[in-house]
């Protein structure tokens, strides 16, 4: 039996800006209410996946900056 693909598998293909914008929409939907419990849980899971994707983008950017600084500092003047 094959594993069921994650509903949020597409999140990893989003840019930081796309993930952040969608996360904002998810939060707004959750805050306004009116969704069923099942819908709210799905939105929450999507929001968690989007937040993780944003954090991964930020972590990657931080590593690139640290590497660039380290390279600059190790280069003799």
Protein backbone atom coordinates (compact mmCIF):
# COMPACT_ATOMS: atom_id res chain seq x y z
CA UNK A 1 0.00 0.00 0.00
CA UNK A 2 1.48 3.36 -1.05
CA UNK A 3 1.72 6.18 1.44
CA UNK A 4 -0.84 8.92 0.99
CA UNK A 5 0.86 12.10 -0.28
CA UNK A 6 0.76 15.02 2.11
CA UNK A 7 -1.97 17.54 1.45
CA UNK A 8 0.62 20.24 2.10
CA UNK A 9 3.37 18.77 -0.11
CA UNK A 10 3.07 21.74 -2.50
CA UNK A 11 4.21 24.13 0.23
CA UNK A 12 7.87 23.27 -0.37
CA UNK A 13 7.53 24.61 -3.94
CA UNK A 14 6.36 28.05 -2.81
CA UNK A 15 8.64 31.06 -2.61
CA UNK A 16 9.00 32.78 0.75
CA UNK A 17 6.70 35.58 -0.37
CA UNK A 18 4.03 33.15 -1.60
CA UNK A 19 4.14 31.12 1.61
CA UNK A 20 3.98 34.25 3.77
CA UNK A 21 1.03 35.67 1.82
CA UNK A 22 -0.90 32.42 2.03
CA UNK A 23 -0.09 32.10 5.73
CA UNK A 24 -1.58 35.56 6.27
CA UNK A 25 -4.76 34.44 4.50
CA UNK A 26 -4.96 31.28 6.60
CA UNK A 27 -4.61 33.27 9.83
CA UNK A 28 -7.33 35.69 8.71
CA UNK A 29 -9.70 32.80 7.91
CA UNK A 30 -9.07 31.22 11.29
CA UNK A 31 -9.55 34.51 13.11
CA UNK A 32 -12.86 35.28 11.41
CA UNK A 33 -14.26 31.88 12.36
CA UNK A 34 -17.27 30.35 10.74
CA UNK A 35 -15.42 27.27 9.54
CA UNK A 36 -16.31 23.79 10.68
CA UNK A 37 -13.98 22.00 13.05
CA UNK A 38 -12.68 19.86 10.18
CA UNK A 39 -12.04 22.95 8.02
CA UNK A 40 -10.36 24.74 10.91
CA UNK A 41 -8.06 21.79 11.53
CA UNK A 42 -7.13 21.65 7.85
CA UNK A 43 -6.42 25.39 7.88
CA UNK A 44 -4.32 25.01 11.04
CA UNK A 45 -2.28 22.21 9.45
CA UNK A 46 -1.80 24.27 6.31
CA UNK A 47 -0.72 27.23 8.41
CA UNK A 48 1.81 25.10 10.29
CA UNK A 49 3.26 23.84 6.99
CA UNK A 50 3.43 27.39 5.63
CA UNK A 51 5.09 28.70 8.81
CA UNK A 52 7.66 25.89 8.62
CA UNK A 53 8.37 26.75 4.99
CA UNK A 54 8.84 30.43 5.85
CA UNK A 55 11.19 29.50 8.69
CA UNK A 56 13.21 27.26 6.35
CA UNK A 57 13.57 30.15 3.88
CA UNK A 58 14.70 32.49 6.66
CA UNK A 59 17.14 29.92 8.05
CA UNK A 60 18.62 29.45 4.57
CA UNK A 61 19.00 33.20 4.10
CA UNK A 62 20.67 33.51 7.51
CA UNK A 63 23.17 30.78 6.62
CA UNK A 64 24.01 32.50 3.32
CA UNK A 65 24.59 35.80 5.11
CA UNK A 66 26.79 34.15 7.73
CA UNK A 67 28.81 32.41 5.01
CA UNK A 68 29.24 35.66 3.09
CA UNK A 69 30.39 37.47 6.24
CA UNK A 70 32.80 34.70 7.13
CA UNK A 71 34.25 34.74 3.60
CA UNK A 72 34.66 38.51 3.71
CA UNK A 73 36.32 38.40 7.10
CA UNK A 74 38.75 35.66 6.05
CA UNK A 75 39.84 37.52 2.92
CA UNK A 76 43.05 39.50 3.50
CA UNK A 77 42.87 43.19 2.68
